[in-house]
Amino acid sequence: MLIGNIKNKLFFSSYFSLQREGGLRAERSQRDLTNAASFIQYTVSKGYEIHGWELGNELGGKAVGTLIAADQYAKDATFLKWVVEDTYEDSPSKPLLLAPGSFFDKDWFGEFITKTNPDIVSVVSHHIYNLGAGVETGLVKRILNPSYLDGVARQFSDLQQLLKTSGTSAVAWVGEAGGAYNSGHHLVTDAFVFSFWYLDQLGMSAKYNTKTYCRQSFIGGNYGLLNTTTFQPNPDYYSALLWHRLMGTKVLDAKFSGTTNLIRAYAHCAKNSTGITLLLMNLHGNARNDVSLTSEELLVVEASGVTREEYHLLPEGGDIHSQVMLLNGRALTTDADGNIPRMEPIILDAAQPIAIEPLSIVFAHMPNYYAPVCS
């Protein structure tokens, strides 16, 4: 199963060594192993650049259907590692080995990580669909509920701790995440409101040292980044693009302190620039919030005329179910040739608070704030 394409590098996922046994456990099938090895060798013979091979799809942890025991999964991951090493012996670079591509269960993941040698698996991958089924009617309430959004933090934290204490060289990835399973929900998971969930996921996963986040999907279902009929980017496409352009890889500890818990705040070192970038989201339906930045660790360069750049995201017509996102009041749509519009910030006095409108999202690049970790 093709699960991703990053910079034209392909990821393939398969559980090639399974033969169902009583619906609960699986053992090796030599025929299946040979077939998988032949397929991997075929991609090498064709010169395909495979970035990673993933073992399995939702067969471990909180499995969907058949559950493969963690001990067996570790043995099969070790075998796949041997196949990859042998097949790519003469190659200057070898694909990553990812596993298990499953919903997180602390005990199962802990055993799997413990029973694979430190260098067997490159990536420990897990899936996230924490909003429930796409057909459910309460999705928007969950997306705009800070307590519900915080519920997945334990999953990120537990996996981070398992990797940190195990001695493995593997890193954490979210290998698949669409929020609401069964293809999402039209005008929710493909609309402006879903950017609150998506950007919160990106901020939270980065906070817990997740190295890659794979969105389900680029196109397809009701949670694609592109409209399946017009191929126009949905709002989350532009949210992801701003995140990519503005948020660096070094994460700062950001906390909002105020009279409401409906402001979500994340901060990173700015990407390819000086200073820091804030991501602020207002989940309140009718109250604006003015945010000022305070810190004992940040060095603030005070100078006359110092400014910051702000990117304010709102839905067209004030409707959070809209599939058109406004950036600083301008609709984000492609031109006749399909080109992505310029995404320009507004320039404001850095001494003024950041005004966040109800049900809106703000990226704020603050070049006059310097954190020691960013240098």
Foldseek 3Di string as FASTA:
>chain_A
DWQDADPNATEEEEQQQFDDDPQEEGGGDVVSVVVVLVVVLVCVVVVHHHQEYEHEAQQDANRDGYHYQLLRVQVSLQVVLVSQCVSCVPPPDTHFYEDDNHAHDLVRVLSNLLNHPQESHQEYEYEDQQQEAQVDDCSLVLLQDVVNLCVCLVVLQSVLVSNVPRNHNHAYEHSEYQNHPPQHYALPLQFQSVLSSVVSVVQSNLVSRHDYYQYPDCDDGRNHQADNPPRKGFPVVVVVVCCVQFADSAWDDDDDDDDDPRKDKTKHQTPPAAAIKMKIFGSAAADKDWADDDDPQKDFDDDPPFKKWKWKWAAPPNDRSHRWIDTVNHTFTADPVRDTDDRGTDIDDNVGTDIHGHRMMMMMGHRRIHGPVND
